Amino acid sequence: MTSPRWDGDKSKEMVAVAIDKDKGSQAALKWACDHLLGKGKRVTLLHVKLKPLGSYVAFSDNDDAVKSYKACQIDSQTKELFLPFRCFCTRKDIQVDEVCLEDTDVARALCEYVKQNSIENLVMGATSRGGFVRRLKSADVATNVSKEAPEFCNVYVISKGKISSVRSASITAVNQPPRQLQNQTNTPPAPTDARFSQGTEHEIFL
């Protein structure tokens, strides 16, 4: 299968990558950077926390960009989860929006965000024992997202650095709502942290 790349108007398409603590998320971001992104482009990193009530908040210094979102508590663990992914994007000269979603259903949260923000490309890692499957028992999140995502969104499922499956968009997004965070200030450079340079358990993207 030929991997799609940015070309012409595609350079304006929104790209989001679903992330968690598993290596599948690392592979998904690497693939997105290699095939859908380039220097100066922007990617949205999506992480879902399972909670009784649904809400989501975007990490941004631009209050106007996030005022429509219901605030949720962002703990240090969640911030630490985002950090290595942001470091990787910084090295690639790719701008980052970090979004934490909260819902009782991971797939539903991702699909709802894609719908509300007109995301044309969603990339996620294949389900593994250490990833989403642990959070959503008896269900394959990637499969559910591929089935339920809006028709204007391409859904790429990545396994071991290659496309495991793809659900291609069947229509073009029209009457798109204002895109969240598109005009926010650039994410500041990731801080240097010894934990990410000494081969500890926090080290990723080798």
N, C-alpha and C. Protein backbone atom coordinates (compact mmCIF):
# COMPACT_ATOMS: atom_id res chain seq x y z
N MET A 1 0.84 -1.19 0.00
CA MET A 1 0.00 0.00 0.00
C MET A 1 0.88 1.25 0.00
N THR A 2 0.58 2.16 -0.90
CA THR A 2 1.35 3.39 -0.97
C THR A 2 0.94 4.32 0.15
N SER A 3 1.89 4.81 0.88
CA SER A 3 1.61 5.70 2.00
C SER A 3 1.32 7.10 1.49
N PRO A 4 0.21 7.71 1.93
CA PRO A 4 -0.11 9.06 1.50
C PRO A 4 0.86 10.06 2.07
N ARG A 5 1.09 11.14 1.35
CA ARG A 5 1.96 12.20 1.84
C ARG A 5 1.27 13.54 1.59
N TRP A 6 1.74 14.58 2.25
CA TRP A 6 1.19 15.91 2.02
C TRP A 6 1.43 16.32 0.57
N ASP A 7 0.39 16.84 -0.07
CA ASP A 7 0.52 17.25 -1.46
C ASP A 7 -0.56 18.28 -1.76
N GLY A 8 -0.18 19.44 -2.22
CA GLY A 8 -1.16 20.45 -2.59
C GLY A 8 -2.01 20.87 -1.42
N ASP A 9 -3.35 20.81 -1.64
CA ASP A 9 -4.28 21.23 -0.61
C ASP A 9 -4.22 20.36 0.64
N LYS A 10 -3.66 19.17 0.53
CA LYS A 10 -3.58 18.30 1.69
C LYS A 10 -2.74 18.92 2.80
N SER A 11 -1.91 19.87 2.43
CA SER A 11 -1.06 20.50 3.45
C SER A 11 -1.89 21.29 4.45
N LYS A 12 -3.15 21.55 4.11
CA LYS A 12 -4.02 22.31 5.00
C LYS A 12 -4.89 21.40 5.86
N GLU A 13 -4.81 20.11 5.64
CA GLU A 13 -5.65 19.18 6.38
C GLU A 13 -5.19 19.06 7.83
N MET A 14 -6.15 18.85 8.71
CA MET A 14 -5.87 18.69 10.13
C MET A 14 -5.47 17.25 10.42
N VAL A 15 -4.43 17.09 11.22
CA VAL A 15 -3.94 15.76 11.59
C VAL A 15 -3.96 15.63 13.10
N ALA A 16 -4.52 14.53 13.58
CA ALA A 16 -4.52 14.25 15.02
C ALA A 16 -3.97 12.84 15.24
N VAL A 17 -3.25 12.67 16.33
CA VAL A 17 -2.70 11.37 16.69
C VAL A 17 -3.18 11.02 18.10
N ALA A 18 -3.83 9.87 18.23
CA ALA A 18 -4.28 9.40 19.54
C ALA A 18 -3.09 8.78 20.27
N ILE A 19 -2.85 9.21 21.49
CA ILE A 19 -1.68 8.71 22.22
C ILE A 19 -2.06 8.13 23.57
N ASP A 20 -1.23 7.18 24.01
CA ASP A 20 -1.34 6.61 25.34
C ASP A 20 0.08 6.25 25.77
N LYS A 21 0.21 5.42 26.77
CA LYS A 21 1.54 5.07 27.28
C LYS A 21 2.20 3.94 26.48
N ASP A 22 1.46 3.32 25.59
CA ASP A 22 1.99 2.16 24.88
C ASP A 22 2.88 2.55 23.71
N LYS A 23 3.70 1.59 23.25
CA LYS A 23 4.61 1.84 22.14
C LYS A 23 3.86 2.03 20.82
N GLY A 24 2.62 1.53 20.75
CA GLY A 24 1.84 1.73 19.54
C GLY A 24 1.60 3.20 19.26
N SER A 25 1.46 3.99 20.31
CA SER A 25 1.27 5.43 20.15
C SER A 25 2.53 6.09 19.61
N GLN A 26 3.67 5.61 20.05
CA GLN A 26 4.94 6.14 19.56
C GLN A 26 5.07 5.86 18.06
N ALA A 27 4.74 4.64 17.66
CA ALA A 27 4.81 4.26 16.25
C ALA A 27 3.84 5.08 15.42
N ALA A 28 2.66 5.36 15.98
CA ALA A 28 1.66 6.14 15.26
C ALA A 28 2.15 7.56 15.01
N LEU A 29 2.75 8.18 16.01
CA LEU A 29 3.25 9.55 15.84
C LEU A 29 4.41 9.58 14.86
N LYS A 30 5.31 8.62 14.95
CA LYS A 30 6.43 8.55 14.01
C LYS A 30 5.91 8.45 12.58
N TRP A 31 4.92 7.58 12.38
CA TRP A 31 4.36 7.39 11.04
C TRP A 31 3.72 8.68 10.54
N ALA A 32 2.95 9.32 11.40
CA ALA A 32 2.29 10.57 11.01
C ALA A 32 3.31 11.63 10.62
N CYS A 33 4.40 11.72 11.37
CA CYS A 33 5.44 12.71 11.06
C CYS A 33 6.11 12.39 9.73
N ASP A 34 6.28 11.12 9.43
CA ASP A 34 6.96 10.72 8.19
C ASP A 34 6.06 10.83 6.96
N HIS A 35 4.76 10.66 7.13
CA HIS A 35 3.87 10.54 5.97
C HIS A 35 2.79 11.61 5.85
N LEU A 36 2.46 12.29 6.92
CA LEU A 36 1.39 13.28 6.85
C LEU A 36 1.82 14.67 7.29
N LEU A 37 2.98 14.77 7.88
CA LEU A 37 3.42 16.05 8.43
C LEU A 37 4.78 16.44 7.87
N GLY A 38 5.16 17.66 8.12
CA GLY A 38 6.46 18.17 7.70
C GLY A 38 6.84 19.34 8.59
N LYS A 39 7.99 19.90 8.37
CA LYS A 39 8.46 21.01 9.18
C LYS A 39 7.46 22.17 9.16
N GLY A 40 7.19 22.70 10.32
CA GLY A 40 6.29 23.83 10.41
C GLY A 40 4.82 23.47 10.45
N LYS A 41 4.49 22.20 10.24
CA LYS A 41 3.09 21.77 10.29
C LYS A 41 2.65 21.62 11.73
N ARG A 42 1.36 21.39 11.91
CA ARG A 42 0.79 21.28 13.25
C ARG A 42 0.07 19.95 13.41
N VAL A 43 0.24 19.34 14.57
CA VAL A 43 -0.44 18.09 14.88
C VAL A 43 -1.14 18.23 16.23
N THR A 44 -2.28 17.59 16.35
CA THR A 44 -3.00 17.56 17.62
C THR A 44 -2.78 16.20 18.26
N LEU A 45 -2.26 16.19 19.47
CA LEU A 45 -2.08 14.95 20.23
C LEU A 45 -3.30 14.77 21.13
N LEU A 46 -3.98 13.64 20.98
CA LEU A 46 -5.19 13.37 21.75
C LEU A 46 -4.97 12.23 22.74
N HIS A 47 -5.31 12.49 23.98
CA HIS A 47 -5.23 11.44 25.00
C HIS A 47 -6.57 11.35 25.71
N VAL A 48 -7.07 10.14 25.92
CA VAL A 48 -8.37 9.94 26.56
C VAL A 48 -8.19 9.37 27.97
N LYS A 49 -8.77 10.07 28.93
CA LYS A 49 -8.81 9.58 30.31
C LYS A 49 -10.23 9.08 30.57
N LEU A 50 -10.34 7.86 31.05
CA LEU A 50 -11.66 7.32 31.35
C LEU A 50 -12.20 7.95 32.63
N LYS A 51 -13.35 8.60 32.49
CA LYS A 51 -13.99 9.26 33.63
C LYS A 51 -15.50 9.03 33.56
N PRO A 52 -16.20 9.14 34.68
CA PRO A 52 -17.65 8.97 34.68
C PRO A 52 -18.36 10.00 33.82
N LEU A 53 -17.83 11.24 33.79
CA LEU A 53 -18.46 12.31 33.03
C LEU A 53 -17.58 12.72 31.87
N GLY A 54 -18.18 13.02 30.72
CA GLY A 54 -17.40 13.40 29.56
C GLY A 54 -17.10 14.88 29.52
N SER A 55 -15.88 15.18 29.18
CA SER A 55 -15.46 16.56 28.99
C SER A 55 -14.09 16.54 28.37
N TYR A 56 -13.66 17.66 27.82
CA TYR A 56 -12.28 17.71 27.36
C TYR A 56 -11.77 19.12 27.46
N VAL A 57 -10.47 19.21 27.60
CA VAL A 57 -9.84 20.52 27.72
C VAL A 57 -8.58 20.50 26.89
N ALA A 58 -8.28 21.61 26.25
CA ALA A 58 -7.06 21.72 25.46
C ALA A 58 -6.03 22.50 26.24
N PHE A 59 -4.76 22.10 26.12
CA PHE A 59 -3.69 22.82 26.77
C PHE A 59 -3.31 23.99 25.88
N SER A 60 -3.57 25.21 26.32
CA SER A 60 -3.28 26.36 25.49
C SER A 60 -3.18 27.60 26.35
N ASP A 61 -2.37 28.56 25.90
CA ASP A 61 -2.29 29.84 26.58
C ASP A 61 -3.35 30.81 26.04
N ASN A 62 -4.05 30.38 24.99
CA ASN A 62 -5.06 31.22 24.36
C ASN A 62 -6.42 30.89 24.96
N ASP A 63 -6.90 31.71 25.90
CA ASP A 63 -8.16 31.43 26.58
C ASP A 63 -9.33 31.37 25.61
N ASP A 64 -9.32 32.22 24.59
CA ASP A 64 -10.42 32.25 23.64
C ASP A 64 -10.57 30.93 22.91
N ALA A 65 -9.45 30.23 22.71
CA ALA A 65 -9.48 28.99 21.95
C ALA A 65 -10.10 27.85 22.74
N VAL A 66 -10.12 27.96 24.05
CA VAL A 66 -10.59 26.84 24.87
C VAL A 66 -11.79 27.18 25.74
N LYS A 67 -12.34 28.38 25.60
CA LYS A 67 -13.39 28.81 26.51
C LYS A 67 -14.66 27.97 26.38
N SER A 68 -14.85 27.29 25.22
CA SER A 68 -16.04 26.49 25.03
C SER A 68 -15.91 25.11 25.66
N TYR A 69 -14.73 24.77 26.14
CA TYR A 69 -14.52 23.45 26.70
C TYR A 69 -14.75 23.45 28.21
N LYS A 70 -15.32 22.37 28.69
CA LYS A 70 -15.48 22.20 30.13
C LYS A 70 -14.13 21.81 30.73
N ALA A 71 -13.71 22.54 31.73
CA ALA A 71 -12.40 22.28 32.32
C ALA A 71 -12.38 20.95 33.04
N CYS A 72 -11.26 20.26 32.97
CA CYS A 72 -11.08 19.04 33.72
C CYS A 72 -9.71 19.09 34.38
N GLN A 73 -9.57 18.37 35.44
CA GLN A 73 -8.32 18.41 36.18
C GLN A 73 -7.23 17.69 35.41
N ILE A 74 -6.11 18.36 35.18
CA ILE A 74 -4.97 17.78 34.49
C ILE A 74 -3.89 17.51 35.52
N ASP A 75 -3.66 16.25 35.81
CA ASP A 75 -2.68 15.93 36.83
C ASP A 75 -1.28 15.84 36.23
N SER A 76 -0.31 15.76 37.10
CA SER A 76 1.09 15.74 36.65
C SER A 76 1.39 14.51 35.81
N GLN A 77 0.68 13.41 36.09
CA GLN A 77 0.90 12.19 35.32
C GLN A 77 0.53 12.39 33.86
N THR A 78 -0.59 13.07 33.62
CA THR A 78 -1.03 13.32 32.26
C THR A 78 -0.06 14.25 31.54
N LYS A 79 0.40 15.28 32.22
CA LYS A 79 1.37 16.19 31.61
C LYS A 79 2.66 15.46 31.27
N GLU A 80 3.06 14.54 32.13
CA GLU A 80 4.28 13.78 31.89
C GLU A 80 4.11 12.85 30.70
N LEU A 81 2.89 12.33 30.52
CA LEU A 81 2.63 11.46 29.38
C LEU A 81 2.84 12.21 28.06
N PHE A 82 2.39 13.46 28.01
CA PHE A 82 2.52 14.24 26.78
C PHE A 82 3.96 14.65 26.48
N LEU A 83 4.76 14.83 27.51
CA LEU A 83 6.08 15.44 27.35
C LEU A 83 6.98 14.79 26.31
N PRO A 84 7.20 13.46 26.33
CA PRO A 84 8.10 12.88 25.33
C PRO A 84 7.58 13.00 23.91
N PHE A 85 6.25 12.96 23.73
CA PHE A 85 5.68 13.13 22.40
C PHE A 85 5.93 14.55 21.90
N ARG A 86 5.79 15.52 22.80
CA ARG A 86 6.05 16.90 22.43
C ARG A 86 7.53 17.12 22.12
N CYS A 87 8.40 16.48 22.91
CA CYS A 87 9.84 16.58 22.65
C CYS A 87 10.17 16.06 21.25
N PHE A 88 9.57 14.94 20.89
CA PHE A 88 9.81 14.35 19.57
C PHE A 88 9.37 15.31 18.47
N CYS A 89 8.18 15.90 18.62
CA CYS A 89 7.68 16.83 17.61
C CYS A 89 8.55 18.08 17.53
N THR A 90 9.04 18.54 18.67
CA THR A 90 9.91 19.72 18.69
C THR A 90 11.17 19.46 17.88
N ARG A 91 11.74 18.27 18.03
CA ARG A 91 12.94 17.92 17.26
C ARG A 91 12.65 17.87 15.77
N LYS A 92 11.41 17.56 15.41
CA LYS A 92 11.01 17.48 14.01
C LYS A 92 10.52 18.84 13.48
N ASP A 93 10.54 19.87 14.32
CA ASP A 93 10.05 21.20 13.97
C ASP A 93 8.57 21.15 13.60
N ILE A 94 7.81 20.39 14.37
CA ILE A 94 6.37 20.26 14.17
C ILE A 94 5.67 20.87 15.38
N GLN A 95 4.70 21.75 15.12
CA GLN A 95 3.97 22.41 16.19
C GLN A 95 2.94 21.45 16.80
N VAL A 96 2.68 21.61 18.08
CA VAL A 96 1.84 20.64 18.80
C VAL A 96 0.70 21.31 19.56
N ASP A 97 -0.48 20.72 19.45
CA ASP A 97 -1.60 21.03 20.33
C ASP A 97 -1.83 19.77 21.17
N GLU A 98 -1.91 19.91 22.47
CA GLU A 98 -2.12 18.78 23.36
C GLU A 98 -3.54 18.84 23.90
N VAL A 99 -4.31 17.80 23.69
CA VAL A 99 -5.71 17.78 24.11
C VAL A 99 -5.98 16.54 24.94
N CYS A 100 -6.53 16.77 26.12
CA CYS A 100 -6.90 15.66 27.00
C CYS A 100 -8.42 15.53 26.99
N LEU A 101 -8.91 14.38 26.57
CA LEU A 101 -10.34 14.11 26.53
C LEU A 101 -10.73 13.25 27.72
N GLU A 102 -11.92 13.45 28.21
CA GLU A 102 -12.43 12.61 29.30
C GLU A 102 -13.79 12.05 28.91
N ASP A 103 -13.93 10.75 29.01
CA ASP A 103 -15.20 10.12 28.66
C ASP A 103 -15.22 8.71 29.24
N THR A 104 -16.39 8.10 29.23
CA THR A 104 -16.50 6.71 29.66
C THR A 104 -16.21 5.76 28.51
N ASP A 105 -16.10 6.29 27.30
CA ASP A 105 -15.86 5.49 26.10
C ASP A 105 -14.76 6.15 25.29
N VAL A 106 -13.62 5.47 25.14
CA VAL A 106 -12.47 6.05 24.45
C VAL A 106 -12.78 6.34 22.99
N ALA A 107 -13.35 5.35 22.28
CA ALA A 107 -13.64 5.53 20.86
C ALA A 107 -14.62 6.67 20.63
N ARG A 108 -15.65 6.74 21.46
CA ARG A 108 -16.65 7.81 21.32
C ARG A 108 -16.02 9.18 21.52
N ALA A 109 -15.13 9.29 22.50
CA ALA A 109 -14.48 10.57 22.77
C ALA A 109 -13.65 11.02 21.57
N LEU A 110 -12.89 10.10 21.00
CA LEU A 110 -12.06 10.44 19.85
C LEU A 110 -12.92 10.84 18.66
N CYS A 111 -13.97 10.07 18.39
CA CYS A 111 -14.83 10.36 17.23
C CYS A 111 -15.57 11.68 17.39
N GLU A 112 -15.99 11.99 18.61
CA GLU A 112 -16.69 13.25 18.85
C GLU A 112 -15.76 14.44 18.65
N TYR A 113 -14.52 14.30 19.11
CA TYR A 113 -13.56 15.38 18.91
C TYR A 113 -13.28 15.58 17.43
N VAL A 114 -13.10 14.48 16.71
CA VAL A 114 -12.86 14.55 15.26
C VAL A 114 -14.00 15.27 14.57
N LYS A 115 -15.23 14.92 14.95
CA LYS A 115 -16.42 15.53 14.34
C LYS A 115 -16.50 17.02 14.63
N GLN A 116 -16.31 17.40 15.87
CA GLN A 116 -16.47 18.80 16.27
C GLN A 116 -15.36 19.70 15.74
N ASN A 117 -14.20 19.11 15.45
CA ASN A 117 -13.06 19.92 15.02
C ASN A 117 -12.63 19.65 13.59
N SER A 118 -13.45 18.92 12.83
CA SER A 118 -13.20 18.67 11.41
C SER A 118 -11.79 18.15 11.16
N ILE A 119 -11.41 17.11 11.90
CA ILE A 119 -10.11 16.48 11.72
C ILE A 119 -10.17 15.55 10.51
N GLU A 120 -9.36 15.84 9.49
CA GLU A 120 -9.40 15.02 8.27
C GLU A 120 -8.58 13.74 8.37
N ASN A 121 -7.59 13.72 9.26
CA ASN A 121 -6.72 12.55 9.39
C ASN A 121 -6.51 12.22 10.86
N LEU A 122 -6.90 11.01 11.26
CA LEU A 122 -6.68 10.54 12.62
C LEU A 122 -5.78 9.32 12.56
N VAL A 123 -4.68 9.37 13.31
CA VAL A 123 -3.72 8.27 13.32
C VAL A 123 -3.68 7.69 14.72
N MET A 124 -3.68 6.36 14.80
CA MET A 124 -3.63 5.72 16.11
C MET A 124 -2.90 4.39 16.02
N GLY A 125 -2.34 3.96 17.14
CA GLY A 125 -1.63 2.69 17.16
C GLY A 125 -2.60 1.53 17.26
N ALA A 126 -2.17 0.38 16.76
CA ALA A 126 -2.99 -0.82 16.87
C ALA A 126 -3.11 -1.21 18.34
N THR A 127 -4.22 -1.81 18.70
CA THR A 127 -4.46 -2.20 20.08
C THR A 127 -3.43 -3.20 20.57
N SER A 128 -2.94 -2.98 21.77
CA SER A 128 -2.01 -3.92 22.39
C SER A 128 -2.41 -4.12 23.84
N ARG A 129 -1.86 -5.14 24.47
CA ARG A 129 -2.22 -5.44 25.85
C ARG A 129 -1.88 -4.29 26.79
N GLY A 130 -0.85 -3.54 26.45
CA GLY A 130 -0.43 -2.47 27.34
C GLY A 130 -1.07 -1.14 27.02
N GLY A 131 -1.95 -1.09 26.02
CA GLY A 131 -2.51 0.19 25.61
C GLY A 131 -3.99 0.32 25.87
N PHE A 132 -4.71 0.71 24.82
CA PHE A 132 -6.12 1.01 24.97
C PHE A 132 -6.93 -0.19 25.45
N VAL A 133 -6.55 -1.42 25.04
CA VAL A 133 -7.38 -2.57 25.39
C VAL A 133 -7.47 -2.74 26.89
N ARG A 134 -6.46 -2.34 27.60
CA ARG A 134 -6.49 -2.41 29.05
C ARG A 134 -7.49 -1.42 29.62
N ARG A 135 -7.68 -0.32 28.91
CA ARG A 135 -8.57 0.73 29.39
C ARG A 135 -10.02 0.47 28.97
N LEU A 136 -10.22 -0.25 27.90
CA LEU A 136 -11.57 -0.50 27.42
C LEU A 136 -11.68 -1.99 27.14
N LYS A 137 -11.99 -2.76 28.17
CA LYS A 137 -12.00 -4.21 28.08
C LYS A 137 -13.03 -4.70 27.07
N SER A 138 -12.67 -5.80 26.41
CA SER A 138 -13.53 -6.52 25.46
C SER A 138 -13.85 -5.70 24.20
N ALA A 139 -13.15 -4.63 23.98
CA ALA A 139 -13.41 -3.83 22.78
C ALA A 139 -12.11 -3.37 22.16
N ASP A 140 -12.06 -3.35 20.84
CA ASP A 140 -10.91 -2.86 20.10
C ASP A 140 -11.19 -1.41 19.73
N VAL A 141 -10.52 -0.49 20.38
CA VAL A 141 -10.79 0.93 20.17
C VAL A 141 -10.53 1.33 18.73
N ALA A 142 -9.41 0.87 18.15
CA ALA A 142 -9.08 1.24 16.78
C ALA A 142 -10.18 0.80 15.81
N THR A 143 -10.71 -0.41 16.02
CA THR A 143 -11.78 -0.91 15.16
C THR A 143 -13.04 -0.07 15.33
N ASN A 144 -13.38 0.25 16.56
CA ASN A 144 -14.58 1.06 16.81
C ASN A 144 -14.45 2.46 16.23
N VAL A 145 -13.27 3.05 16.35
CA VAL A 145 -13.06 4.38 15.78
C VAL A 145 -13.18 4.33 14.27
N SER A 146 -12.62 3.30 13.65
CA SER A 146 -12.69 3.17 12.20
C SER A 146 -14.13 3.06 11.72
N LYS A 147 -14.98 2.44 12.53
CA LYS A 147 -16.39 2.28 12.17
C LYS A 147 -17.20 3.54 12.42
N GLU A 148 -16.87 4.25 13.50
CA GLU A 148 -17.72 5.35 13.96
C GLU A 148 -17.23 6.75 13.58
N ALA A 149 -16.01 6.87 13.11
CA ALA A 149 -15.47 8.19 12.77
C ALA A 149 -16.28 8.84 11.65
N PRO A 150 -16.37 10.16 11.62
CA PRO A 150 -17.09 10.85 10.55
C PRO A 150 -16.56 10.46 9.17
N GLU A 151 -17.43 10.51 8.19
CA GLU A 151 -17.07 10.05 6.85
C GLU A 151 -16.00 10.91 6.19
N PHE A 152 -15.79 12.13 6.69
CA PHE A 152 -14.78 13.00 6.08
C PHE A 152 -13.38 12.74 6.63
N CYS A 153 -13.26 11.80 7.57
CA CYS A 153 -11.97 11.56 8.23
C CYS A 153 -11.32 10.26 7.77
N ASN A 154 -10.04 10.35 7.40
CA ASN A 154 -9.24 9.16 7.14
C ASN A 154 -8.73 8.64 8.48
N VAL A 155 -8.92 7.37 8.75
CA VAL A 155 -8.45 6.78 10.01
C VAL A 155 -7.34 5.77 9.69
N TYR A 156 -6.14 6.06 10.16
CA TYR A 156 -4.99 5.19 9.93
C TYR A 156 -4.64 4.46 11.23
N VAL A 157 -4.59 3.14 11.17
CA VAL A 157 -4.17 2.33 12.32
C VAL A 157 -2.78 1.79 12.01
N ILE A 158 -1.83 2.12 12.87
CA ILE A 158 -0.42 1.79 12.62
C ILE A 158 0.06 0.68 13.55
N SER A 159 0.76 -0.28 12.97
CA SER A 159 1.34 -1.37 13.75
C SER A 159 2.77 -1.60 13.28
N LYS A 160 3.72 -1.56 14.20
CA LYS A 160 5.13 -1.79 13.90
C LYS A 160 5.63 -0.86 12.78
N GLY A 161 5.17 0.37 12.81
CA GLY A 161 5.65 1.37 11.86
C GLY A 161 5.00 1.34 10.49
N LYS A 162 4.02 0.47 10.29
CA LYS A 162 3.35 0.36 9.00
C LYS A 162 1.84 0.44 9.18
N ILE A 163 1.14 0.72 8.08
CA ILE A 163 -0.32 0.78 8.13
C ILE A 163 -0.88 -0.62 8.34
N SER A 164 -1.61 -0.80 9.42
CA SER A 164 -2.28 -2.07 9.69
C SER A 164 -3.65 -2.08 9.02
N SER A 165 -4.32 -0.94 9.07
CA SER A 165 -5.61 -0.78 8.39
C SER A 165 -5.86 0.69 8.16
N VAL A 166 -6.70 0.99 7.19
CA VAL A 166 -7.04 2.37 6.91
C VAL A 166 -8.51 2.45 6.53
N ARG A 167 -9.23 3.38 7.12
CA ARG A 167 -10.61 3.66 6.74
C ARG A 167 -10.58 5.00 6.02
N SER A 168 -10.69 4.96 4.71
CA SER A 168 -10.57 6.18 3.91
C SER A 168 -11.83 7.02 3.99
N ALA A 169 -11.64 8.33 3.92
CA ALA A 169 -12.77 9.25 3.91
C ALA A 169 -13.58 9.05 2.64
N SER A 170 -14.89 9.15 2.76
CA SER A 170 -15.75 8.97 1.59
C SER A 170 -16.35 10.28 1.12
N ILE A 171 -16.24 11.33 1.94
CA ILE A 171 -16.73 12.64 1.55
C ILE A 171 -15.73 13.69 2.00
N THR A 172 -15.89 14.89 1.46
CA THR A 172 -15.05 16.01 1.87
C THR A 172 -15.79 16.81 2.94
N ALA A 173 -15.08 17.21 3.94
CA ALA A 173 -15.70 17.99 5.01
C ALA A 173 -16.20 19.31 4.46
N VAL A 174 -17.46 19.63 4.75
CA VAL A 174 -18.04 20.90 4.31
C VAL A 174 -18.63 21.60 5.52
N ASN A 175 -18.83 22.91 5.36
CA ASN A 175 -19.38 23.72 6.46
C ASN A 175 -18.64 23.44 7.76
N GLN A 176 -17.33 23.48 7.67
CA GLN A 176 -16.52 23.16 8.83
C GLN A 176 -16.64 24.22 9.91
N PRO A 177 -16.76 23.79 11.17
CA PRO A 177 -16.79 24.77 12.27
C PRO A 177 -15.41 25.35 12.47
N PRO A 178 -15.31 26.47 13.18
CA PRO A 178 -13.98 27.03 13.45
C PRO A 178 -13.11 26.00 14.12
N ARG A 179 -11.90 25.83 13.63
CA ARG A 179 -11.03 24.78 14.14
C ARG A 179 -10.39 25.20 15.45
N GLN A 180 -10.51 24.36 16.44
CA GLN A 180 -9.99 24.68 17.76
C GLN A 180 -8.47 24.73 17.73
N LEU A 181 -7.93 25.76 18.38
CA LEU A 181 -6.50 25.89 18.60
C LEU A 181 -5.69 26.22 17.36
N GLN A 182 -6.35 26.39 16.20
CA GLN A 182 -5.60 26.61 14.97
C GLN A 182 -4.77 27.89 15.04
N ASN A 183 -5.27 28.90 15.74
CA ASN A 183 -4.57 30.19 15.77
C ASN A 183 -3.89 30.45 17.11
N GLN A 184 -3.71 29.40 17.90
CA GLN A 184 -3.08 29.60 19.19
C GLN A 184 -1.60 29.89 19.03
N THR A 185 -1.00 30.40 20.07
CA THR A 185 0.43 30.62 20.03
C THR A 185 1.14 29.29 19.98
N ASN A 186 2.32 29.28 19.39
CA ASN A 186 3.06 28.05 19.25
C ASN A 186 3.37 27.45 20.61
N THR A 187 3.36 26.11 20.66
CA THR A 187 3.73 25.43 21.89
C THR A 187 5.18 25.74 22.20
N PRO A 188 5.50 26.15 23.42
CA PRO A 188 6.89 26.48 23.74
C PRO A 188 7.77 25.26 23.62
N PRO A 189 9.07 25.45 23.36
CA PRO A 189 9.98 24.32 23.23
C PRO A 189 9.93 23.45 24.47
N ALA A 190 10.02 22.14 24.25
CA ALA A 190 9.97 21.21 25.37
C ALA A 190 11.20 21.40 26.24
N PRO A 191 11.01 21.38 27.55
CA PRO A 191 12.16 21.56 28.44
C PRO A 191 13.10 20.38 28.38
N THR A 192 14.37 20.67 28.61
CA THR A 192 15.35 19.60 28.65
C THR A 192 15.20 18.88 29.98
N ASP A 193 15.13 17.56 29.93
CA ASP A 193 14.93 16.78 31.14
C ASP A 193 15.82 15.56 31.07
N ALA A 194 16.65 15.38 32.09
CA ALA A 194 17.60 14.27 32.07
C ALA A 194 16.91 12.93 31.96
N ARG A 195 15.67 12.87 32.43
CA ARG A 195 14.97 11.59 32.38
C ARG A 195 14.75 11.12 30.96
N PHE A 196 14.78 12.04 30.00
CA PHE A 196 14.52 11.69 28.62
C PHE A 196 15.81 11.58 27.82
N SER A 197 16.94 11.55 28.48
CA SER A 197 18.20 11.44 27.74
C SER A 197 19.17 10.45 28.36
N GLN A 198 18.72 9.72 29.37
CA GLN A 198 19.61 8.81 30.04
C GLN A 198 19.16 7.36 29.96
N GLY A 199 18.24 7.07 29.02
CA GLY A 199 17.84 5.69 28.83
C GLY A 199 17.00 5.13 29.96
N THR A 200 16.28 5.98 30.68
CA THR A 200 15.44 5.50 31.77
C THR A 200 14.13 4.99 31.20
N GLU A 201 13.22 4.60 32.08
CA GLU A 201 11.95 4.05 31.65
C GLU A 201 11.12 5.10 30.92
N HIS A 202 11.48 6.37 31.02
CA HIS A 202 10.73 7.43 30.35
C HIS A 202 11.19 7.62 28.91
N GLU A 203 12.30 7.05 28.55
CA GLU A 203 12.87 7.27 27.23
C GLU A 203 12.03 6.60 26.15
N ILE A 204 11.66 7.33 25.08
CA ILE A 204 10.95 6.74 23.96
C ILE A 204 11.50 7.33 22.68
N PHE A 205 10.98 6.84 21.56
CA PHE A 205 11.37 7.32 20.24
C PHE A 205 12.86 7.12 19.99
N LEU A 206 13.37 5.95 20.29
CA LEU A 206 14.77 5.67 20.02
C LEU A 206 14.97 5.35 18.55
